[in-house]
C-alpha atoms as a PDB file:
ATOM      1  CA  MET A   1    -100.218 145.665 -76.771  1.00  0.00           C
ATOM      2  CA  ASN A   2    -102.893 144.665 -73.984  1.00  0.00           C
ATOM      3  CA  MET A   3    -101.898 141.954 -71.129  1.00  0.00           C
ATOM      4  CA  ILE A   4    -105.070 140.276 -72.478  1.00  0.00           C
ATOM      5  CA  ILE A   5    -104.574 140.379 -76.665  1.00  0.00           C
ATOM      6  CA  SER A   6    -100.816 139.018 -76.012  1.00  0.00           C
ATOM      7  CA  LEU A   7    -102.359 136.136 -73.549  1.00  0.00           C
ATOM      8  CA  ILE A   8    -104.750 135.273 -76.797  1.00  0.00           C
ATOM      9  CA  ILE A   9    -101.461 134.894 -78.973  1.00  0.00           C
ATOM     10  CA  ALA A  10     -99.837 132.854 -76.635  1.00  0.00           C
ATOM     11  CA  CYS A  11    -102.187 130.341 -75.857  1.00  0.00           C
ATOM     12  CA  GLU A  12    -103.079 129.712 -79.268  1.00  0.00           C
ATOM     13  CA  VAL A  13     -99.380 129.407 -79.913  1.00  0.00           C
ATOM     14  CA  ALA A  14     -99.242 126.905 -77.102  1.00  0.00           C
ATOM     15  CA  PHE A  15    -102.136 125.220 -78.494  1.00  0.00           C
ATOM     16  CA  TRP A  16    -101.029 124.230 -81.380  1.00  0.00           C
ATOM     17  CA  ILE A  17     -97.143 123.610 -79.671  1.00  0.00           C
ATOM     18  CA  VAL A  18     -98.940 120.582 -77.534  1.00  0.00           C
ATOM     19  CA  ILE A  19    -100.781 119.491 -80.181  1.00  0.00           C
ATOM     20  CA  ALA A  20     -97.492 118.712 -82.620  1.00  0.00           C
ATOM     21  CA  LEU A  21     -95.814 117.539 -79.460  1.00  0.00           C
ATOM     22  CA  GLY A  22     -98.659 114.982 -78.916  1.00  0.00           C
ATOM     23  CA  LEU A  23     -98.086 113.966 -82.712  1.00  0.00           C
ATOM     24  CA  ILE A  24     -94.368 113.740 -82.587  1.00  0.00           C
ATOM     25  CA  CYS A  25     -94.380 111.938 -79.366  1.00  0.00           C
ATOM     26  CA  ARG A  26     -97.222 109.831 -80.565  1.00  0.00           C
ATOM     27  CA  TYR A  27     -95.720 109.014 -83.983  1.00  0.00           C
ATOM     28  CA  MET A  28     -92.449 109.948 -84.097  1.00  0.00           C
ATOM     29  CA  LEU A  29     -91.248 108.028 -81.102  1.00  0.00           C
ATOM     30  CA  ASN A  30     -93.793 105.569 -79.840  1.00  0.00           C
ATOM     31  CA  ARG A  31     -94.449 107.294 -76.645  1.00  0.00           C
ATOM     32  CA  ASP A  32     -98.777 106.974 -77.024  1.00  0.00           C
ATOM     33  CA  LYS A  33     -99.040 107.697 -73.608  1.00  0.00           C
ATOM     34  CA  LEU A  34     -96.727 111.124 -73.321  1.00  0.00           C
ATOM     35  CA  GLY A  35     -98.376 111.937 -76.911  1.00  0.00           C
ATOM     36  CA  VAL A  36    -102.193 111.796 -75.423  1.00  0.00           C
ATOM     37  CA  PHE A  37    -100.423 113.669 -72.127  1.00  0.00           C
ATOM     38  CA  PHE A  38     -99.789 116.470 -74.651  1.00  0.00           C
ATOM     39  CA  LEU A  39    -102.704 116.475 -76.106  1.00  0.00           C
ATOM     40  CA  ALA A  40    -104.916 116.528 -73.096  1.00  0.00           C
ATOM     41  CA  LEU A  41    -103.306 119.834 -72.240  1.00  0.00           C
ATOM     42  CA  THR A  42    -105.190 121.653 -74.950  1.00  0.00           C
ATOM     43  CA  PRO A  43    -108.272 122.550 -72.360  1.00  0.00           C
ATOM     44  CA  VAL A  44    -105.399 123.323 -69.814  1.00  0.00           C
ATOM     45  CA  VAL A  45    -104.214 126.544 -72.277  1.00  0.00           C
ATOM     46  CA  ASP A  46    -107.922 127.659 -72.223  1.00  0.00           C
ATOM     47  CA  LEU A  47    -108.378 127.315 -68.703  1.00  0.00           C
ATOM     48  CA  ILE A  48    -104.856 129.742 -68.186  1.00  0.00           C
ATOM     49  CA  LEU A  49    -106.734 132.239 -70.754  1.00  0.00           C
ATOM     50  CA  LEU A  50    -109.840 131.939 -68.441  1.00  0.00           C
ATOM     51  CA  VAL A  51    -108.682 132.552 -65.333  1.00  0.00           C
ATOM     52  CA  ALA A  52    -106.028 134.998 -66.611  1.00  0.00           C
ATOM     53  CA  THR A  53    -109.509 137.084 -68.010  1.00  0.00           C
ATOM     54  CA  SER A  54    -111.386 136.373 -65.318  1.00  0.00           C
ATOM     55  CA  ILE A  55    -108.606 137.857 -63.159  1.00  0.00           C
ATOM     56  CA  ASP A  56    -108.184 140.847 -64.983  1.00  0.00           C
ATOM     57  CA  LEU A  57    -111.702 142.117 -64.757  1.00  0.00           C
ATOM     58  CA  TYR A  58    -112.645 141.090 -61.334  1.00  0.00           C
ATOM     59  CA  ASN A  59    -109.480 143.536 -60.467  1.00  0.00           C
ATOM     60  CA  GLY A  60    -111.713 146.244 -62.259  1.00  0.00           C
ATOM     61  CA  ALA A  61    -110.389 146.443 -65.647  1.00  0.00           C
ATOM     62  CA  THR A  62    -113.180 147.767 -67.974  1.00  0.00           C
ATOM     63  CA  ALA A  63    -114.067 144.765 -70.402  1.00  0.00           C
ATOM     64  CA  THR A  64    -112.274 144.995 -73.758  1.00  0.00           C
ATOM     65  CA  THR A  65    -112.443 143.220 -77.378  1.00  0.00           C
ATOM     66  CA  ALA A  66    -110.107 141.475 -76.320  1.00  0.00           C
ATOM     67  CA  HIS A  67    -111.745 140.268 -73.368  1.00  0.00           C
ATOM     68  CA  GLY A  68    -114.739 139.141 -75.516  1.00  0.00           C
ATOM     69  CA  ILE A  69    -112.083 137.277 -78.067  1.00  0.00           C
ATOM     70  CA  ALA A  70    -110.896 135.520 -75.261  1.00  0.00           C
ATOM     71  CA  ALA A  71    -114.269 134.369 -74.872  1.00  0.00           C
ATOM     72  CA  VAL A  72    -114.617 133.306 -78.635  1.00  0.00           C
ATOM     73  CA  TYR A  73    -111.466 131.642 -78.643  1.00  0.00           C
ATOM     74  CA  ILE A  74    -112.289 129.451 -75.591  1.00  0.00           C
ATOM     75  CA  GLY A  75    -115.108 128.760 -76.627  1.00  0.00           C
ATOM     76  CA  VAL A  76    -113.627 127.940 -80.600  1.00  0.00           C
ATOM     77  CA  SER A  77    -111.484 125.620 -78.461  1.00  0.00           C
ATOM     78  CA  ILE A  78    -113.528 123.680 -77.174  1.00  0.00           C
ATOM     79  CA  GLY A  79    -115.686 123.776 -79.826  1.00  0.00           C
ATOM     80  CA  PHE A  80    -113.618 122.552 -81.886  1.00  0.00           C
ATOM     81  CA  GLY A  81    -111.025 121.067 -80.303  1.00  0.00           C
ATOM     82  CA  LYS A  82    -111.703 117.709 -80.870  1.00  0.00           C
ATOM     83  CA  SER A  83    -111.606 118.322 -84.866  1.00  0.00           C
ATOM     84  CA  MET A  84    -108.992 120.547 -84.961  1.00  0.00           C
ATOM     85  CA  ILE A  85    -106.697 117.628 -83.441  1.00  0.00           C
ATOM     86  CA  ASN A  86    -108.261 114.776 -85.520  1.00  0.00           C
ATOM     87  CA  TRP A  87    -107.215 117.670 -88.548  1.00  0.00           C
ATOM     88  CA  ALA A  88    -104.265 117.970 -87.604  1.00  0.00           C
ATOM     89  CA  ASP A  89    -103.146 114.023 -86.748  1.00  0.00           C
ATOM     90  CA  GLU A  90    -104.579 113.434 -90.117  1.00  0.00           C
ATOM     91  CA  LYS A  91    -102.207 116.310 -92.562  1.00  0.00           C
ATOM     92  CA  PHE A  92     -99.802 114.822 -89.861  1.00  0.00           C
ATOM     93  CA  ARG A  93     -99.784 111.099 -90.661  1.00  0.00           C
ATOM     94  CA  TYR A  94    -100.392 112.147 -94.443  1.00  0.00           C
ATOM     95  CA  TYR A  95     -97.858 115.164 -95.142  1.00  0.00           C
ATOM     96  CA  VAL A  96     -94.970 114.658 -92.129  1.00  0.00           C
ATOM     97  CA  LEU A  97     -95.046 110.922 -91.803  1.00  0.00           C
ATOM     98  CA  LYS A  98     -95.794 110.300 -95.781  1.00  0.00           C
ATOM     99  CA  GLN A  99     -98.605 107.476 -94.725  1.00  0.00           C
ATOM    100  CA  GLY A 100    -102.179 106.569 -95.433  1.00  0.00           C
ATOM    101  CA  ASP A 101    -103.994 108.418 -98.319  1.00  0.00           C
ATOM    102  CA  LYS A 102    -103.955 111.670 -98.721  1.00  0.00           C
ATOM    103  CA  PRO A 103    -106.661 113.469 -97.070  1.00  0.00           C
ATOM    104  CA  ALA A 104    -109.344 113.626-100.190  1.00  0.00           C
ATOM    105  CA  ARG A 105    -111.650 116.423-100.613  1.00  0.00           C
ATOM    106  CA  LYS A 106    -115.505 116.108-100.175  1.00  0.00           C
ATOM    107  CA  TYR A 107    -117.629 116.403-102.886  1.00  0.00           C
ATOM    108  CA  GLY A 108    -121.556 117.050-103.094  1.00  0.00           C
ATOM    109  CA  ILE A 109    -123.813 115.640 -99.858  1.00  0.00           C
ATOM    110  CA  GLU A 110    -120.593 114.589 -97.979  1.00  0.00           C
ATOM    111  CA  HIS A 111    -119.223 117.927 -98.644  1.00  0.00           C
ATOM    112  CA  ALA A 112    -122.697 119.364 -96.920  1.00  0.00           C
ATOM    113  CA  MET A 113    -122.675 116.490 -94.230  1.00  0.00           C
ATOM    114  CA  HIS A 114    -119.090 117.766 -93.170  1.00  0.00           C
ATOM    115  CA  TYR A 115    -120.236 121.513 -93.817  1.00  0.00           C
ATOM    116  CA  MET A 116    -123.014 120.893 -91.288  1.00  0.00           C
ATOM    117  CA  LYS A 117    -121.252 118.773 -88.800  1.00  0.00           C
ATOM    118  CA  SER A 118    -118.834 122.124 -88.767  1.00  0.00           C
ATOM    119  CA  PHE A 119    -121.676 124.525 -88.026  1.00  0.00           C
ATOM    120  CA  ILE A 120    -122.728 122.250 -84.919  1.00  0.00           C
ATOM    121  CA  ARG A 121    -119.498 122.472 -83.596  1.00  0.00           C
ATOM    122  CA  HIS A 122    -119.935 126.123 -84.128  1.00  0.00           C
ATOM    123  CA  ILE A 123    -123.150 126.234 -82.243  1.00  0.00           C
ATOM    124  CA  ALA A 124    -121.374 124.353 -79.399  1.00  0.00           C
ATOM    125  CA  ALA A 125    -118.660 127.291 -79.459  1.00  0.00           C
ATOM    126  CA  PHE A 126    -120.832 130.100 -79.544  1.00  0.00           C
ATOM    127  CA  VAL A 127    -122.894 128.625 -76.948  1.00  0.00           C
ATOM    128  CA  ILE A 128    -120.149 128.502 -74.851  1.00  0.00           C
ATOM    129  CA  GLY A 129    -118.940 131.478 -75.806  1.00  0.00           C
ATOM    130  CA  ALA A 130    -121.573 133.797 -75.752  1.00  0.00           C
ATOM    131  CA  GLY A 131    -122.149 131.763 -72.137  1.00  0.00           C
ATOM    132  CA  LEU A 132    -118.644 133.160 -70.648  1.00  0.00           C
ATOM    133  CA  LEU A 133    -119.916 136.797 -72.332  1.00  0.00           C
ATOM    134  CA  LEU A 134    -122.769 136.649 -70.772  1.00  0.00           C
ATOM    135  CA  ALA A 135    -121.475 135.559 -67.459  1.00  0.00           C
ATOM    136  CA  MET A 136    -118.152 138.250 -67.533  1.00  0.00           C
ATOM    137  CA  ILE A 137    -121.769 141.314 -68.407  1.00  0.00           C
ATOM    138  CA  TYR A 138    -123.227 139.827 -65.724  1.00  0.00           C
ATOM    139  CA  PHE A 139    -121.179 139.527 -62.748  1.00  0.00           C
ATOM    140  CA  ILE A 140    -119.301 143.029 -63.841  1.00  0.00           C
ATOM    141  CA  ASP A 141    -122.769 144.154 -63.582  1.00  0.00           C
ATOM    142  CA  ASN A 142    -121.863 147.493 -65.319  1.00  0.00           C
ATOM    143  CA  PRO A 143    -123.248 148.724 -69.036  1.00  0.00           C
ATOM    144  CA  THR A 144    -120.345 150.866 -69.416  1.00  0.00           C
ATOM    145  CA  ARG A 145    -117.919 148.652 -68.677  1.00  0.00           C
ATOM    146  CA  THR A 146    -118.983 145.756 -71.144  1.00  0.00           C
ATOM    147  CA  GLU A 147    -120.546 147.254 -73.632  1.00  0.00           C
ATOM    148  CA  ALA A 148    -117.538 145.867 -75.868  1.00  0.00           C
ATOM    149  CA  LEU A 149    -118.272 142.096 -74.561  1.00  0.00           C
ATOM    150  CA  LEU A 150    -122.216 142.964 -75.921  1.00  0.00           C
ATOM    151  CA  GLY A 151    -120.874 144.282 -79.389  1.00  0.00           C
ATOM    152  CA  ILE A 152    -118.453 140.312 -79.719  1.00  0.00           C
ATOM    153  CA  LEU A 153    -121.931 139.574 -78.738  1.00  0.00           C
ATOM    154  CA  LYS A 154    -123.599 140.928 -81.592  1.00  0.00           C
ATOM    155  CA  ILE A 155    -120.978 140.543 -84.382  1.00  0.00           C
ATOM    156  CA  TRP A 156    -120.563 136.519 -83.780  1.00  0.00           C
ATOM    157  CA  SER A 157    -124.181 136.009 -83.580  1.00  0.00           C
ATOM    158  CA  VAL A 158    -124.471 137.668 -87.142  1.00  0.00           C
ATOM    159  CA  ALA A 159    -121.082 135.391 -88.136  1.00  0.00           C
ATOM    160  CA  LEU A 160    -123.591 132.620 -86.778  1.00  0.00           C
ATOM    161  CA  GLY A 161    -126.558 133.534 -88.750  1.00  0.00           C
ATOM    162  CA  VAL A 162    -123.973 133.848 -92.181  1.00  0.00           C
ATOM    163  CA  ASP A 163    -122.476 130.171 -90.989  1.00  0.00           C
ATOM    164  CA  LEU A 164    -126.353 128.970 -91.133  1.00  0.00           C
ATOM    165  CA  ILE A 165    -126.746 130.528 -95.263  1.00  0.00           C
ATOM    166  CA  ILE A 166    -123.120 128.874 -96.000  1.00  0.00           C
ATOM    167  CA  THR A 167    -124.402 125.429 -94.558  1.00  0.00           C
ATOM    168  CA  VAL A 168    -127.718 125.491 -96.257  1.00  0.00           C
ATOM    169  CA  SER A 169    -125.992 126.657 -99.919  1.00  0.00           C
ATOM    170  CA  TYR A 170    -124.046 123.581 -99.430  1.00  0.00           C
ATOM    171  CA  PHE A 171    -127.372 121.307 -99.400  1.00  0.00           C
ATOM    172  CA  LEU A 172    -129.056 123.652-101.752  1.00  0.00           C
ATOM    173  CA  TRP A 173    -125.626 124.351-104.260  1.00  0.00           C
ATOM    174  CA  PRO A 174    -123.555 121.107-103.756  1.00  0.00           C
ATOM    175  CA  ARG A 175    -119.493 121.531-104.504  1.00  0.00           C
ATOM    176  CA  LYS A 176    -118.920 120.073-107.639  1.00  0.00           C
ATOM    177  CA  ALA A 177    -115.469 117.854-108.440  1.00  0.00           C
END
């Protein structure tokens, strides 16, 4: 397995481990500061992936789809990170600690607005990830070594367009209860 793919998987696992540790420390061990420390480690996971990917490319590796996915992962992690932590926090409190109300499904305009916020996060993730992809393309400055990165950027652009269509559809045809 490619080293970058292994690192992406390890970073994803580490991301959820530090979130789980943060929530366990916060709620089960009553160690708020330690919980915040673990939750604050989530960007460190992204930084590790960014540095490793950069070093691999700097050392002459041809950019692969895995390098492009690393940029996407970093963008998504930063763009959606806080909302993913909030989501995990809400589910943890209800399903593990049996505290609070069951997380309610959203319908109608409330669901459409919630999805719109998610789409805005997707735009932020895209800007960050696309910026990383374009930076890699620029610094490598060799179209044959960066072809895969451009392919990832094109696919992600299409995915962003599809997400926009889905977002608009929720306003036109709201989800019914």
